Amino acid sequence: MSIAAGSLLLADTAMLLGAEEKTPWKIGICDWDLRATGRINSFTVAKELGFEGVQVSYQPEGTDSLANKANRPKFLAAAKDTNVEIASFCIGTLNERPLATTPAAEGWVADCLDAMEEMKIDRVLMPFFGNGDMTEHKDHLPQIIEKFKRLAAIAEKKKKVLAIESYLSAEDHVKMIDAVGSDAVKVYYDVRNSKNKNYDIFRELELLGSKKLISEIHFKDNSRLGDGDIDFAKVKAVLEKIEFKGWIVVESSAPGDWKESQAANAQFVKKLIGK
């Protein structure tokens, strides 16, 4: 039998045995978990630890700030040199200086959308924790919705996604997004945050997934992934059911040696999804 014929036979056999298709998911990590918030060296560290991408912090100020247009090609070059992608952006500054009450914040998001267009990044995480927690500051919601309406109009034109991460339930996220009225606004789902609020994360994933509202997902726990109380095998099964196509981004605790722990987190996710 020729080599070519043998290869075809093996391929046919794999199909008959029901071999799984290649996973559609890539594995990233937040730059703050690399001790490199908003810094260009995050790609090198991510590569060392076994990740395929980095969620990069968009910071309005600082040496490596992407608000400085001269830094944007530097980030792209670092990503290319390491073969580590930019999974998405995150404007973490909004936790301390909330969108609702910080006059400059809307401009930061608009400028971030400009950087996303230039750098060909699809989505940005907009967090609402700390000073911006909508469950603690419910009076912020009207201002947030109005600002999102203006920002979503920009995002729509640029074909970008504004992804909300907060302590709101899935139902309240849907209500908020409906109030904004734009397909450019989605949810950045974090399994640990929802677990901490005693939400049924599997039901929430199905609900949001049925509406195609999950932009990206954080795999997070209060321990190394797999050592805590979140059933990540079931999370994977639900993600398959809802046909989730985005990045899985690790944002998790790293007990002991943090590099060893984050490398272990990368290996856990790779084994879980069959990479």
Protein backbone atom coordinates (compact mmCIF):
# COMPACT_ATOMS: atom_id res chain seq x y z
CA MET A 1 0.00 0.00 0.00
CA SER A 2 1.31 3.44 -0.88
CA ILE A 3 1.86 6.11 1.78
CA ALA A 4 -0.87 8.26 0.24
CA ALA A 5 -3.37 5.40 0.26
CA GLY A 6 -2.47 4.57 3.85
CA SER A 7 -3.04 8.16 4.90
CA LEU A 8 -6.46 8.18 3.26
CA LEU A 9 -7.36 4.93 5.02
CA LEU A 10 -6.36 6.36 8.38
CA ALA A 11 -8.40 9.49 7.74
CA ASP A 12 -11.46 7.41 6.79
CA THR A 13 -11.03 5.25 9.88
CA ALA A 14 -10.84 8.36 12.12
CA MET A 15 -14.09 9.62 10.60
CA LEU A 16 -15.81 6.27 11.16
CA LEU A 17 -14.67 6.24 14.77
CA GLY A 18 -16.19 9.68 15.27
CA ALA A 19 -12.94 11.57 15.82
CA GLU A 20 -13.62 15.03 17.20
CA GLU A 21 -13.10 18.08 15.03
CA LYS A 22 -10.35 20.47 15.96
CA THR A 23 -11.47 22.78 18.78
CA PRO A 24 -12.55 26.26 17.63
CA TRP A 25 -11.18 27.81 20.81
CA LYS A 26 -7.87 29.51 21.45
CA ILE A 27 -6.41 29.97 24.92
CA GLY A 28 -5.35 33.38 26.20
CA ILE A 29 -4.45 35.00 29.50
CA CYS A 30 -4.98 38.46 30.97
CA ASP A 31 -1.85 40.62 30.96
CA TRP A 32 -2.37 41.49 34.64
CA ASP A 33 -2.00 37.78 35.45
CA LEU A 34 1.37 37.94 33.71
CA ARG A 35 2.52 40.78 35.99
CA ALA A 36 2.61 42.91 32.83
CA THR A 37 -0.51 45.08 32.85
CA GLY A 38 -0.59 47.13 29.66
CA ARG A 39 3.02 46.26 28.87
CA ILE A 40 4.57 45.08 25.63
CA ASN A 41 6.57 42.29 27.30
CA SER A 42 3.32 40.45 28.13
CA PHE A 43 3.58 38.48 24.87
CA THR A 44 6.98 37.05 25.74
CA VAL A 45 5.75 35.87 29.14
CA ALA A 46 2.56 34.41 27.66
CA LYS A 47 4.61 32.46 25.12
CA GLU A 48 6.87 31.10 27.88
CA LEU A 49 3.86 29.84 29.85
CA GLY A 50 2.12 28.17 26.93
CA PHE A 51 -0.66 30.60 25.97
CA GLU A 52 -1.77 31.50 22.46
CA GLY A 53 -2.94 35.03 23.20
CA VAL A 54 -3.02 37.93 25.63
CA GLN A 55 -5.89 40.09 26.79
CA VAL A 56 -4.16 43.46 26.66
CA SER A 57 -5.00 46.30 29.04
CA TYR A 58 -5.84 49.55 27.28
CA GLN A 59 -4.57 52.24 29.64
CA PRO A 60 -5.21 55.95 29.04
CA GLU A 61 -1.79 56.86 30.41
CA GLY A 62 1.62 55.26 30.90
CA THR A 63 4.82 54.43 29.05
CA ASP A 64 3.30 51.65 26.95
CA SER A 65 -0.17 53.20 26.73
CA LEU A 66 -2.07 52.42 23.54
CA ALA A 67 -3.51 55.91 23.71
CA ASN A 68 -0.09 56.85 22.33
CA LYS A 69 -0.42 55.86 18.68
CA ALA A 70 3.34 55.31 18.43
CA ASN A 71 2.99 52.31 20.76
CA ARG A 72 0.40 50.49 18.66
CA PRO A 73 2.80 49.11 16.03
CA LYS A 74 5.13 48.07 18.85
CA PHE A 75 2.43 45.84 20.36
CA LEU A 76 1.63 44.37 16.94
CA ALA A 77 5.31 43.69 16.31
CA ALA A 78 5.69 41.98 19.71
CA ALA A 79 2.66 39.81 18.98
CA LYS A 80 4.04 38.84 15.57
CA ASP A 81 7.56 38.15 16.87
CA THR A 82 6.28 35.80 19.59
CA ASN A 83 3.43 34.30 17.54
CA VAL A 84 1.10 35.25 20.41
CA GLU A 85 -2.10 37.02 19.40
CA ILE A 86 -3.98 39.88 21.01
CA ALA A 87 -7.16 38.12 22.10
CA SER A 88 -8.94 41.33 23.11
CA PHE A 89 -8.52 44.59 25.00
CA CYS A 90 -9.65 45.48 28.51
CA ILE A 91 -10.14 48.96 29.95
CA GLY A 92 -9.50 48.01 33.58
CA THR A 93 -9.20 51.67 34.56
CA LEU A 94 -13.02 51.79 34.53
CA ASN A 95 -13.13 49.89 37.83
CA GLU A 96 -11.46 52.80 39.64
CA ARG A 97 -12.73 55.61 37.42
CA PRO A 98 -16.20 54.47 36.33
CA LEU A 99 -17.80 55.14 33.00
CA ALA A 100 -20.88 56.64 34.67
CA THR A 101 -19.13 59.27 36.79
CA THR A 102 -15.79 59.98 35.11
CA PRO A 103 -16.08 62.73 32.46
CA ALA A 104 -13.05 61.48 30.50
CA ALA A 105 -14.09 57.80 30.49
CA GLU A 106 -16.32 57.94 27.42
CA GLY A 107 -13.44 59.45 25.48
CA TRP A 108 -11.13 56.63 26.62
CA VAL A 109 -13.52 54.06 25.21
CA ALA A 110 -13.89 55.97 21.94
CA ASP A 111 -10.10 56.17 21.62
CA CYS A 112 -9.82 52.47 22.43
CA LEU A 113 -12.22 51.76 19.57
CA ASP A 114 -9.90 53.79 17.33
CA ALA A 115 -6.95 51.63 18.43
CA MET A 116 -9.02 48.49 17.84
CA GLU A 117 -9.76 49.56 14.29
CA GLU A 118 -6.12 50.38 13.60
CA MET A 119 -4.83 47.17 15.19
CA LYS A 120 -7.66 44.92 13.92
CA ILE A 121 -8.87 43.85 17.38
CA ASP A 122 -12.50 42.77 17.56
CA ARG A 123 -13.57 43.28 21.17
CA VAL A 124 -12.88 45.17 24.36
CA LEU A 125 -13.83 44.15 27.88
CA MET A 126 -15.51 46.97 29.80
CA PRO A 127 -15.51 45.99 33.50
CA PHE A 128 -17.93 47.27 36.14
CA PHE A 129 -16.43 46.36 39.51
CA GLY A 130 -15.09 48.36 42.44
CA ASN A 131 -16.21 51.95 42.11
CA GLY A 132 -18.16 51.02 38.99
CA ASP A 133 -20.07 48.04 40.39
CA MET A 134 -23.62 48.34 39.01
CA THR A 135 -25.05 46.05 41.71
CA GLU A 136 -23.75 48.46 44.37
CA HIS A 137 -24.33 51.68 42.41
CA LYS A 138 -27.68 51.09 40.73
CA ASP A 139 -28.03 54.84 40.24
CA HIS A 140 -25.21 54.59 37.66
CA LEU A 141 -27.30 52.54 35.24
CA PRO A 142 -29.14 55.38 33.41
CA GLN A 143 -25.86 57.22 32.71
CA ILE A 144 -24.18 53.99 31.62
CA ILE A 145 -26.96 53.16 29.18
CA GLU A 146 -26.88 56.63 27.62
CA LYS A 147 -23.10 56.51 27.20
CA PHE A 148 -23.29 53.01 25.78
CA LYS A 149 -25.80 54.18 23.18
CA ARG A 150 -23.30 56.75 21.90
CA LEU A 151 -20.33 54.39 22.09
CA ALA A 152 -22.25 51.51 20.50
CA ALA A 153 -22.99 53.71 17.48
CA ILE A 154 -19.22 54.14 17.02
CA ALA A 155 -18.58 50.43 17.61
CA GLU A 156 -21.20 49.46 15.04
CA LYS A 157 -19.54 51.57 12.36
CA LYS A 158 -16.17 50.02 13.15
CA LYS A 159 -17.68 46.51 13.52
CA LYS A 160 -16.33 46.14 17.06
CA VAL A 161 -17.80 44.71 20.26
CA LEU A 162 -18.15 46.37 23.66
CA ALA A 163 -18.22 43.47 26.14
CA ILE A 164 -19.69 44.11 29.59
CA GLU A 165 -18.30 42.23 32.58
CA SER A 166 -20.13 42.81 35.82
CA TYR A 167 -21.89 41.20 38.78
CA LEU A 168 -25.26 41.55 37.07
CA SER A 169 -27.21 38.35 36.46
CA ALA A 170 -27.61 37.07 32.91
CA GLU A 171 -31.18 38.38 32.86
CA ASP A 172 -30.10 41.85 33.98
CA HIS A 173 -27.34 41.90 31.38
CA VAL A 174 -29.96 41.12 28.73
CA LYS A 175 -32.21 43.92 30.01
CA MET A 176 -29.32 46.38 29.94
CA ILE A 177 -28.26 45.40 26.43
CA ASP A 178 -31.87 45.60 25.23
CA ALA A 179 -32.06 49.11 26.68
CA VAL A 180 -28.95 50.12 24.72
CA GLY A 181 -30.40 48.52 21.60
CA SER A 182 -27.23 47.57 19.74
CA ASP A 183 -25.71 44.34 18.47
CA ALA A 184 -22.31 45.86 19.24
CA VAL A 185 -22.88 45.32 22.99
CA LYS A 186 -22.40 41.86 24.43
CA VAL A 187 -21.36 40.12 27.67
CA TYR A 188 -17.88 39.12 28.79
CA TYR A 189 -18.75 36.08 30.91
CA ASP A 190 -16.68 35.21 33.97
CA VAL A 191 -17.55 31.88 35.56
CA ARG A 192 -16.06 32.66 38.99
CA ASN A 193 -17.76 36.04 39.32
CA SER A 194 -21.12 34.42 38.62
CA LYS A 195 -20.39 31.54 40.98
CA ASN A 196 -19.54 34.04 43.72
CA LYS A 197 -22.99 35.57 43.24
CA ASN A 198 -24.61 32.12 43.45
CA TYR A 199 -25.86 32.33 39.87
CA ASP A 200 -26.37 29.08 37.97
CA ILE A 201 -23.48 29.50 35.57
CA PHE A 202 -24.59 26.69 33.26
CA ARG A 203 -28.11 28.07 32.88
CA GLU A 204 -26.68 31.57 32.38
CA LEU A 205 -24.29 30.38 29.69
CA GLU A 206 -27.17 28.70 27.89
CA LEU A 207 -29.40 31.77 28.18
CA LEU A 208 -26.76 34.21 26.95
CA GLY A 209 -25.53 31.74 24.36
CA SER A 210 -29.02 31.29 22.93
CA LYS A 211 -29.07 35.04 22.29
CA LYS A 212 -25.50 35.07 20.91
CA LEU A 213 -24.49 37.52 23.62
CA ILE A 214 -21.26 35.95 24.89
CA SER A 215 -18.31 37.78 23.39
CA GLU A 216 -15.52 36.06 25.31
CA ILE A 217 -15.15 34.06 28.51
CA HIS A 218 -12.85 34.09 31.53
CA PHE A 219 -11.87 30.74 32.99
CA LYS A 220 -11.29 31.73 36.60
CA ASP A 221 -11.33 30.13 40.03
CA ASN A 222 -10.05 30.81 43.53
CA SER A 223 -7.35 28.21 42.95
CA ARG A 224 -5.49 26.66 40.09
CA LEU A 225 -8.00 25.69 37.45
CA GLY A 226 -9.37 22.24 38.20
CA ASP A 227 -8.62 22.41 41.92
CA GLY A 228 -11.65 24.49 42.88
CA ASP A 229 -15.41 23.97 42.88
CA ILE A 230 -16.22 24.94 39.29
CA ASP A 231 -17.02 22.03 36.99
CA PHE A 232 -15.05 23.14 33.94
CA ALA A 233 -15.88 19.93 32.07
CA LYS A 234 -19.54 20.94 32.29
CA VAL A 235 -18.65 24.51 31.28
CA LYS A 236 -16.94 23.06 28.20
CA ALA A 237 -20.00 20.95 27.39
CA VAL A 238 -22.29 24.00 27.57
CA LEU A 239 -19.91 26.05 25.41
CA GLU A 240 -20.06 23.29 22.81
CA LYS A 241 -23.85 23.18 23.06
CA ILE A 242 -24.22 26.93 22.44
CA GLU A 243 -21.56 26.77 19.70
CA PHE A 244 -19.33 29.35 21.35
CA LYS A 245 -16.53 30.40 18.97
CA GLY A 246 -14.54 32.97 20.96
CA TRP A 247 -11.41 32.95 23.07
CA ILE A 248 -11.08 31.20 26.42
CA VAL A 249 -9.05 33.63 28.52
CA VAL A 250 -7.51 32.50 31.80
CA GLU A 251 -7.87 34.88 34.72
CA SER A 252 -7.21 32.75 37.76
CA SER A 253 -5.42 32.44 41.05
CA ALA A 254 -1.80 31.36 40.96
CA PRO A 255 -0.80 29.92 44.36
CA GLY A 256 2.86 29.32 45.02
CA ASP A 257 5.15 30.13 42.11
CA TRP A 258 2.87 32.21 39.88
CA LYS A 259 4.56 31.26 36.63
CA GLU A 260 4.33 27.57 37.46
CA SER A 261 0.67 28.00 38.39
CA GLN A 262 -0.24 29.90 35.22
CA ALA A 263 1.61 27.35 33.09
CA ALA A 264 -0.43 24.66 34.88
CA ASN A 265 -3.61 26.63 34.13
CA ALA A 266 -2.69 26.71 30.44
CA GLN A 267 -2.08 22.96 30.42
CA PHE A 268 -5.36 22.33 32.24
CA VAL A 269 -7.37 24.18 29.60
CA LYS A 270 -5.44 22.54 26.73
CA LYS A 271 -6.17 19.08 28.12
CA LEU A 272 -9.80 19.99 28.80
CA ILE A 273 -10.51 21.13 25.25
CA GLY A 274 -8.23 18.64 23.52
CA LYS A 275 -5.44 20.86 22.21
